[in-house]
Amino acid sequence: QVQLVESGGGLVQAGGSLRLSCAASGSIFRTNLMGWYRQAPGKQRELVAGITSESRTNYADSVKGRFTISRDNAKNTVDLQMDSLKPEDTAVYYCHFSAVTGGYWGQGTQVTVTS
């Protein structure tokens, strides 16, 4: 059974940085897309950043220039470096893997940015 395990969330002041990591326990064959989503209270889950197996990336407009997504295909991991954090970045962050065998979600990690 495949599980995605996230780490790196926490509490930070505005302007600070956090790095989120996500790793798969169990094997996932041919992971295509990896991504990070977030969901703030009372809001829908939204895509923050995505990365293909060829490392092509896309970002939500609200995080462009501040967040960087990266992946390690050999280890099946994906990271999200978050810099210049703002209070509006506060949310639960989820990683997602899209593979031949299906889609997988992490359990979520809380990121709280104080002003």
Protein backbone atom coordinates (compact mmCIF):
# COMPACT_ATOMS: atom_id res chain seq x y z
CA GLN A 1 0.00 0.00 0.00
CA VAL A 2 1.39 3.36 -1.05
CA GLN A 3 1.38 6.29 1.32
CA LEU A 4 2.72 9.80 0.87
CA VAL A 5 4.37 11.25 3.94
CA GLU A 6 4.82 15.01 4.21
CA SER A 7 7.13 16.89 6.53
CA GLY A 8 8.38 20.42 7.10
CA GLY A 9 5.27 22.38 7.98
CA GLY A 10 5.12 24.68 10.97
CA LEU A 11 4.77 28.20 12.28
CA VAL A 12 6.78 31.04 10.79
CA GLN A 13 6.70 34.81 10.74
CA ALA A 14 5.89 36.73 7.60
CA GLY A 15 8.94 37.00 5.39
CA GLY A 16 10.34 33.71 6.62
CA SER A 17 10.92 30.42 4.84
CA LEU A 18 9.85 26.81 5.13
CA ARG A 19 10.67 23.74 3.11
CA LEU A 20 8.10 20.99 2.66
CA SER A 21 9.08 17.48 1.66
CA CYS A 22 6.99 14.56 0.50
CA ALA A 23 8.12 10.97 0.10
CA ALA A 24 6.30 7.83 -0.93
CA SER A 25 6.41 4.75 1.25
CA GLY A 26 5.92 1.77 -0.99
CA SER A 27 6.67 1.74 -4.67
CA ILE A 28 4.88 3.85 -7.23
CA PHE A 29 5.52 2.94 -10.81
CA ARG A 30 6.10 5.77 -13.27
CA THR A 31 5.20 8.86 -11.30
CA ASN A 32 4.32 11.48 -13.86
CA LEU A 33 3.10 14.60 -12.20
CA MET A 34 3.97 15.64 -8.67
CA GLY A 35 2.42 18.64 -7.05
CA TRP A 36 1.63 20.60 -3.96
CA TYR A 37 -1.87 21.83 -3.17
CA ARG A 38 -3.17 23.85 -0.26
CA GLN A 39 -6.46 24.41 1.44
CA ALA A 40 -7.18 27.34 3.71
CA PRO A 41 -10.17 27.33 6.09
CA GLY A 42 -13.39 27.95 4.20
CA LYS A 43 -11.69 27.76 0.82
CA GLN A 44 -11.34 25.15 -1.88
CA ARG A 45 -8.16 23.17 -2.32
CA GLU A 46 -5.95 24.85 -4.90
CA LEU A 47 -2.86 23.91 -6.87
CA VAL A 48 0.24 25.68 -5.60
CA ALA A 49 2.91 24.14 -7.82
CA GLY A 50 3.36 21.19 -10.11
CA ILE A 51 6.32 19.45 -11.73
CA THR A 52 6.47 16.87 -14.50
CA SER A 53 8.83 13.91 -14.77
CA GLU A 54 10.94 16.12 -17.09
CA SER A 55 11.00 18.79 -14.37
CA ARG A 56 8.78 21.26 -16.18
CA THR A 57 7.14 23.38 -13.54
CA ASN A 58 4.08 25.53 -13.12
CA TYR A 59 3.03 27.76 -10.25
CA ALA A 60 -0.03 29.55 -9.01
CA ASP A 61 0.26 33.25 -9.72
CA SER A 62 0.13 33.99 -6.01
CA VAL A 63 3.37 32.11 -5.31
CA LYS A 64 5.42 32.78 -8.44
CA GLY A 65 8.86 34.07 -7.58
CA ARG A 66 8.54 32.97 -3.94
CA PHE A 67 8.05 29.19 -4.07
CA THR A 68 10.19 26.59 -5.84
CA ILE A 69 9.17 23.00 -6.49
CA SER A 70 11.72 20.27 -7.12
CA ARG A 71 11.72 16.50 -7.37
CA ASP A 72 14.06 13.55 -7.13
CA ASN A 73 12.90 10.87 -9.56
CA ALA A 74 15.22 8.23 -8.14
CA LYS A 75 13.86 8.68 -4.64
CA ASN A 76 10.27 9.55 -5.68
CA THR A 77 10.26 12.66 -3.57
CA VAL A 78 9.05 16.19 -4.13
CA ASP A 79 9.97 19.32 -2.20
CA LEU A 80 8.51 22.79 -1.99
CA GLN A 81 10.81 25.61 -0.93
CA MET A 82 8.69 28.51 0.31
CA ASP A 83 10.35 31.89 0.74
CA SER A 84 9.00 35.34 1.57
CA LEU A 85 5.99 33.75 3.20
CA LYS A 86 2.87 35.81 3.72
CA PRO A 87 -0.03 35.37 6.16
CA GLU A 88 -2.25 34.49 3.18
CA ASP A 89 -0.06 31.42 2.59
CA THR A 90 -1.48 29.92 5.78
CA ALA A 91 -3.14 26.61 4.90
CA VAL A 92 -2.86 22.87 5.06
CA TYR A 93 -0.49 21.79 2.31
CA TYR A 94 -0.93 18.46 0.53
CA CYS A 95 1.36 16.67 -1.87
CA HIS A 96 -0.05 14.70 -4.76
CA PHE A 97 1.50 12.12 -7.05
CA SER A 98 -0.07 11.15 -10.34
CA ALA A 99 1.18 7.78 -11.56
CA VAL A 100 0.23 5.01 -13.96
CA THR A 101 -1.35 3.20 -11.05
CA GLY A 102 -3.46 6.18 -10.00
CA GLY A 103 -3.39 9.36 -7.92
CA TYR A 104 -2.11 9.58 -4.36
CA TRP A 105 -2.53 12.24 -1.68
CA GLY A 106 -0.53 12.97 1.42
CA GLN A 107 -2.21 13.52 4.76
CA GLY A 108 -1.46 17.24 4.79
CA THR A 109 0.87 19.43 6.79
CA GLN A 110 -0.08 22.72 8.43
CA VAL A 111 1.71 25.91 7.47
CA THR A 112 0.91 28.97 9.55
CA VAL A 113 2.38 32.38 8.76
CA THR A 114 1.99 35.11 11.35
CA SER A 115 2.13 38.81 10.64
